[in-house]
Every structure is written in structure tokens, then in C-alpha cells.
Amino acid sequence: MKRVVEYRKLLEVDKNVTLKELKTIYRNSMKETHPDKFANDEEGRILAEEKSKDVINAYHFLVSIANETVEKNLPEYQDTVQNSAILDFYLEKQTLMITHVNGVSYEYIGVPKNVYIKMINAESPNRFAKRHIYGNYIYRKAGEAELV
């Protein structure tokens, strides 16, 4: 959750921002922090590069968890969590990464360590995730394996 809060604060948006508003805010932020604006100021250019990288990361992350994106990808997500078993999972800094047998990975943000430990010790991680993870945490698609 810390990352979500930091990114929203960086772009000065709330959780109900639309994709259109987010895109406008992103473009305006990039105009202000673009390194090309500091062609004659080396120190300013370096700071602008760092700031623009942060803005780009924040924008892409917030787009991936935006309500519109989640709604658009909901059928695929529901199909995966209902019909594809968990292949692997791990927790890193309150982000639970779950990879499914179909090759799709999702990350769940803000998962406490004690919930992760319960998932490890659960008789069925699939059942535990359906009851305690899938509906309770912000998620985003983290990747998709190529099927050979």
C-alpha cells in the first residue's frame, strides 16, 4: 500500500482518478520534469531524469490498478482465479506475487506477512487465496508467461 500512496501523492491524484485525468496529469508532469528542458544545466538535467523516471513509474503503476483497467480486465482475471490453480507464490515487501498454472501472474498489494504465513500453512493455497486474497487486496497483472 505504501507504493500506491506514494505514487498517488507524487502525481497528486486520489483513488477515484479516471484514466483520462491520469493521462493529462502525467503529460503535464512530464512537461515540467522532462530532462530536455535542462539542456544547459547538467545538475538540473540529472534531477529531472530521476523525477521523470519516478513520474513514468507512478503513471504506469496507477494505470494498472485504475478502476477502468480493472473493470476491462475483470473477465480474464475471474477466469484465471477460478479455473487456474496456483503454481507458485511469494511475498516481497507486502506484495504477494501469485503465478497461476496458465502462466499469468498477479501481484496483490498490501498483504501483511501474517496473512502470507497463513497461506503457506493452509491445506489448500488455492482455497485460501479465493477466500482471503482475491477479493481483499488491490491487484494488478504482473506478467504472462509465453506458452511454448
C-alpha atoms as a PDB file:
ATOM      1  CA  MET A   1       0.000   0.000   0.000  1.00  0.00           C
ATOM      2  CA  LYS A   2       2.904   2.314   0.665  1.00  0.00           C
ATOM      3  CA  ARG A   3       3.829   2.320  -3.021  1.00  0.00           C
ATOM      4  CA  VAL A   4       0.243   3.153  -4.040  1.00  0.00           C
ATOM      5  CA  VAL A   5       0.096   6.055  -1.589  1.00  0.00           C
ATOM      6  CA  GLU A   6       3.490   7.388  -2.695  1.00  0.00           C
ATOM      7  CA  TYR A   7       2.579   7.235  -6.386  1.00  0.00           C
ATOM      8  CA  ARG A   8      -0.769   8.937  -5.819  1.00  0.00           C
ATOM      9  CA  LYS A   9       0.961  11.631  -3.800  1.00  0.00           C
ATOM     10  CA  LEU A  10       3.635  12.125  -6.478  1.00  0.00           C
ATOM     11  CA  LEU A  11       1.021  12.704  -9.187  1.00  0.00           C
ATOM     12  CA  GLU A  12      -1.340  14.449  -6.738  1.00  0.00           C
ATOM     13  CA  VAL A  13      -4.341  12.216  -7.503  1.00  0.00           C
ATOM     14  CA  ASP A  14      -6.858  10.299  -5.423  1.00  0.00           C
ATOM     15  CA  LYS A  15      -8.060   6.730  -5.818  1.00  0.00           C
ATOM     16  CA  ASN A  16     -11.036   7.754  -7.981  1.00  0.00           C
ATOM     17  CA  VAL A  17      -8.998   9.368 -10.765  1.00  0.00           C
ATOM     18  CA  THR A  18     -10.065   8.379 -14.277  1.00  0.00           C
ATOM     19  CA  LEU A  19      -7.619   7.178 -16.908  1.00  0.00           C
ATOM     20  CA  LYS A  20      -8.228  10.328 -18.949  1.00  0.00           C
ATOM     21  CA  GLU A  21      -7.441  12.582 -15.960  1.00  0.00           C
ATOM     22  CA  LEU A  22      -4.413  10.458 -15.102  1.00  0.00           C
ATOM     23  CA  LYS A  23      -3.076  10.765 -18.640  1.00  0.00           C
ATOM     24  CA  THR A  24      -3.475  14.570 -18.583  1.00  0.00           C
ATOM     25  CA  ILE A  25      -1.739  14.837 -15.212  1.00  0.00           C
ATOM     26  CA  TYR A  26       1.056  12.561 -16.429  1.00  0.00           C
ATOM     27  CA  ARG A  27       1.637  14.607 -19.573  1.00  0.00           C
ATOM     28  CA  ASN A  28       1.689  17.876 -17.641  1.00  0.00           C
ATOM     29  CA  SER A  29       4.111  16.422 -15.095  1.00  0.00           C
ATOM     30  CA  MET A  30       6.400  15.218 -17.871  1.00  0.00           C
ATOM     31  CA  LYS A  31       6.382  18.665 -19.478  1.00  0.00           C
ATOM     32  CA  GLU A  32       7.615  20.133 -16.202  1.00  0.00           C
ATOM     33  CA  THR A  33      10.235  17.488 -15.473  1.00  0.00           C
ATOM     34  CA  HIS A  34      11.477  16.490 -18.907  1.00  0.00           C
ATOM     35  CA  PRO A  35      15.320  16.390 -19.000  1.00  0.00           C
ATOM     36  CA  ASP A  36      15.446  18.229 -22.336  1.00  0.00           C
ATOM     37  CA  LYS A  37      14.277  21.385 -20.572  1.00  0.00           C
ATOM     38  CA  PHE A  38      17.625  21.449 -18.752  1.00  0.00           C
ATOM     39  CA  ALA A  39      19.980  21.200 -21.717  1.00  0.00           C
ATOM     40  CA  ASN A  40      22.440  23.776 -20.310  1.00  0.00           C
ATOM     41  CA  ASP A  41      22.109  22.736 -16.657  1.00  0.00           C
ATOM     42  CA  GLU A  42      23.768  19.346 -16.031  1.00  0.00           C
ATOM     43  CA  GLU A  43      22.680  19.092 -12.381  1.00  0.00           C
ATOM     44  CA  GLY A  44      19.111  20.095 -13.259  1.00  0.00           C
ATOM     45  CA  ARG A  45      19.051  17.572 -16.092  1.00  0.00           C
ATOM     46  CA  ILE A  46      20.132  14.739 -13.791  1.00  0.00           C
ATOM     47  CA  LEU A  47      17.483  15.668 -11.212  1.00  0.00           C
ATOM     48  CA  ALA A  48      14.874  15.946 -13.973  1.00  0.00           C
ATOM     49  CA  GLU A  49      15.806  12.461 -15.255  1.00  0.00           C
ATOM     50  CA  GLU A  50      15.252  10.960 -11.815  1.00  0.00           C
ATOM     51  CA  LYS A  51      11.980  12.825 -11.324  1.00  0.00           C
ATOM     52  CA  SER A  52      10.711  11.849 -14.788  1.00  0.00           C
ATOM     53  CA  LYS A  53      11.555   8.172 -14.140  1.00  0.00           C
ATOM     54  CA  ASP A  54       9.526   8.352 -10.931  1.00  0.00           C
ATOM     55  CA  VAL A  55       6.612  10.006 -12.744  1.00  0.00           C
ATOM     56  CA  ILE A  56       6.681   7.366 -15.501  1.00  0.00           C
ATOM     57  CA  ASN A  57       6.729   4.512 -12.965  1.00  0.00           C
ATOM     58  CA  ALA A  58       3.910   6.101 -10.978  1.00  0.00           C
ATOM     59  CA  TYR A  59       1.793   6.616 -14.084  1.00  0.00           C
ATOM     60  CA  HIS A  60       2.175   3.053 -15.359  1.00  0.00           C
ATOM     61  CA  PHE A  61       1.508   1.593 -11.920  1.00  0.00           C
ATOM     62  CA  LEU A  62      -1.579   3.730 -11.302  1.00  0.00           C
ATOM     63  CA  VAL A  63      -2.950   2.921 -14.761  1.00  0.00           C
ATOM     64  CA  SER A  64      -2.598  -0.799 -13.989  1.00  0.00           C
ATOM     65  CA  ILE A  65      -4.686  -0.522 -10.791  1.00  0.00           C
ATOM     66  CA  ALA A  66      -7.198   2.081 -12.007  1.00  0.00           C
ATOM     67  CA  ASN A  67     -10.868   1.143 -11.751  1.00  0.00           C
ATOM     68  CA  GLU A  68     -11.312   1.318 -15.528  1.00  0.00           C
ATOM     69  CA  THR A  69      -8.367  -1.035 -16.141  1.00  0.00           C
ATOM     70  CA  VAL A  70      -9.566  -3.474 -13.503  1.00  0.00           C
ATOM     71  CA  GLU A  71     -13.084  -3.494 -14.978  1.00  0.00           C
ATOM     72  CA  LYS A  72     -11.744  -4.034 -18.504  1.00  0.00           C
ATOM     73  CA  ASN A  73      -9.600  -6.994 -17.436  1.00  0.00           C
ATOM     74  CA  LEU A  74     -12.110  -8.485 -14.980  1.00  0.00           C
ATOM     75  CA  PRO A  75     -13.315 -11.387 -17.180  1.00  0.00           C
ATOM     76  CA  GLU A  76      -9.743 -12.599 -17.768  1.00  0.00           C
ATOM     77  CA  TYR A  77      -8.910 -12.164 -14.069  1.00  0.00           C
ATOM     78  CA  GLN A  78     -12.010 -14.066 -12.919  1.00  0.00           C
ATOM     79  CA  ASP A  79     -11.307 -16.871 -15.377  1.00  0.00           C
ATOM     80  CA  THR A  80      -7.740 -17.174 -14.107  1.00  0.00           C
ATOM     81  CA  VAL A  81      -8.505 -17.176 -10.379  1.00  0.00           C
ATOM     82  CA  GLN A  82     -11.479 -19.535 -10.742  1.00  0.00           C
ATOM     83  CA  ASN A  83     -10.109 -22.025 -13.263  1.00  0.00           C
ATOM     84  CA  SER A  84      -6.322 -21.987 -12.948  1.00  0.00           C
ATOM     85  CA  ALA A  85      -4.584 -23.348  -9.874  1.00  0.00           C
ATOM     86  CA  ILE A  86      -1.747 -21.534  -8.150  1.00  0.00           C
ATOM     87  CA  LEU A  87       1.635 -22.661  -9.437  1.00  0.00           C
ATOM     88  CA  ASP A  88       3.829 -20.508  -7.186  1.00  0.00           C
ATOM     89  CA  PHE A  89       3.563 -17.599  -4.762  1.00  0.00           C
ATOM     90  CA  TYR A  90       5.860 -15.452  -2.628  1.00  0.00           C
ATOM     91  CA  LEU A  91       5.755 -12.252  -0.601  1.00  0.00           C
ATOM     92  CA  GLU A  92       8.139  -9.353  -1.082  1.00  0.00           C
ATOM     93  CA  LYS A  93       7.650  -6.101   0.868  1.00  0.00           C
ATOM     94  CA  GLN A  94       3.900  -6.636   1.363  1.00  0.00           C
ATOM     95  CA  THR A  95       3.408  -7.510  -2.299  1.00  0.00           C
ATOM     96  CA  LEU A  96       2.174 -11.046  -2.814  1.00  0.00           C
ATOM     97  CA  MET A  97       3.097 -12.450  -6.217  1.00  0.00           C
ATOM     98  CA  ILE A  98       0.903 -15.322  -7.400  1.00  0.00           C
ATOM     99  CA  THR A  99       1.668 -17.250 -10.587  1.00  0.00           C
ATOM    100  CA  HIS A 100      -1.070 -19.479 -11.947  1.00  0.00           C
ATOM    101  CA  VAL A 101      -0.738 -22.686 -13.951  1.00  0.00           C
ATOM    102  CA  ASN A 102      -1.926 -20.869 -17.095  1.00  0.00           C
ATOM    103  CA  GLY A 103       1.200 -18.678 -16.875  1.00  0.00           C
ATOM    104  CA  VAL A 104      -0.498 -15.475 -15.714  1.00  0.00           C
ATOM    105  CA  SER A 105       0.939 -13.686 -12.671  1.00  0.00           C
ATOM    106  CA  TYR A 106      -0.788 -11.153 -10.445  1.00  0.00           C
ATOM    107  CA  GLU A 107       0.583  -9.054  -7.635  1.00  0.00           C
ATOM    108  CA  TYR A 108      -1.537  -8.194  -4.618  1.00  0.00           C
ATOM    109  CA  ILE A 109      -0.525  -5.006  -2.831  1.00  0.00           C
ATOM    110  CA  GLY A 110      -0.589  -4.536   0.938  1.00  0.00           C
ATOM    111  CA  VAL A 111      -0.685  -8.187   2.013  1.00  0.00           C
ATOM    112  CA  PRO A 112       0.617  -8.487   5.596  1.00  0.00           C
ATOM    113  CA  LYS A 113       3.191 -11.107   6.453  1.00  0.00           C
ATOM    114  CA  ASN A 114       0.820 -12.908   8.847  1.00  0.00           C
ATOM    115  CA  VAL A 115      -1.693 -13.463   6.003  1.00  0.00           C
ATOM    116  CA  TYR A 116       1.120 -14.819   3.827  1.00  0.00           C
ATOM    117  CA  ILE A 117       2.184 -17.210   6.598  1.00  0.00           C
ATOM    118  CA  LYS A 118      -1.413 -18.428   6.882  1.00  0.00           C
ATOM    119  CA  MET A 119      -1.429 -19.016   3.130  1.00  0.00           C
ATOM    120  CA  ILE A 120       1.785 -21.056   3.371  1.00  0.00           C
ATOM    121  CA  ASN A 121       0.318 -23.160   6.156  1.00  0.00           C
ATOM    122  CA  ALA A 122      -3.098 -23.559   4.551  1.00  0.00           C
ATOM    123  CA  GLU A 123      -4.173 -27.001   3.457  1.00  0.00           C
ATOM    124  CA  SER A 124      -5.057 -25.552   0.054  1.00  0.00           C
ATOM    125  CA  PRO A 125      -3.400 -22.268  -1.020  1.00  0.00           C
ATOM    126  CA  ASN A 126      -5.973 -22.043  -3.840  1.00  0.00           C
ATOM    127  CA  ARG A 127      -8.894 -22.123  -1.440  1.00  0.00           C
ATOM    128  CA  PHE A 128      -7.154 -19.748   0.975  1.00  0.00           C
ATOM    129  CA  ALA A 129      -6.476 -17.251  -1.829  1.00  0.00           C
ATOM    130  CA  LYS A 130     -10.086 -17.405  -3.017  1.00  0.00           C
ATOM    131  CA  ARG A 131     -11.346 -16.693   0.498  1.00  0.00           C
ATOM    132  CA  HIS A 132      -8.761 -14.246   1.817  1.00  0.00           C
ATOM    133  CA  ILE A 133      -6.701 -12.720  -1.007  1.00  0.00           C
ATOM    134  CA  TYR A 134      -8.587 -12.256  -4.263  1.00  0.00           C
ATOM    135  CA  GLY A 135     -11.387 -10.015  -3.016  1.00  0.00           C
ATOM    136  CA  ASN A 136      -9.496  -8.165  -0.310  1.00  0.00           C
ATOM    137  CA  TYR A 137      -6.423  -6.568  -1.872  1.00  0.00           C
ATOM    138  CA  ILE A 138      -5.604  -4.242  -4.737  1.00  0.00           C
ATOM    139  CA  TYR A 139      -4.183  -6.313  -7.563  1.00  0.00           C
ATOM    140  CA  ARG A 140      -2.619  -5.875 -10.949  1.00  0.00           C
ATOM    141  CA  LYS A 141      -1.451  -8.177 -13.675  1.00  0.00           C
ATOM    142  CA  ALA A 142       2.272  -8.661 -13.268  1.00  0.00           C
ATOM    143  CA  GLY A 143       3.029 -10.746 -16.320  1.00  0.00           C
ATOM    144  CA  GLU A 144       2.210 -13.580 -18.595  1.00  0.00           C
ATOM    145  CA  ALA A 145       4.486 -16.465 -19.465  1.00  0.00           C
ATOM    146  CA  GLU A 146       4.913 -17.374 -23.095  1.00  0.00           C
ATOM    147  CA  LEU A 147       3.443 -20.739 -23.895  1.00  0.00           C
ATOM    148  CA  VAL A 148       5.833 -22.871 -25.901  1.00  0.00           C
END
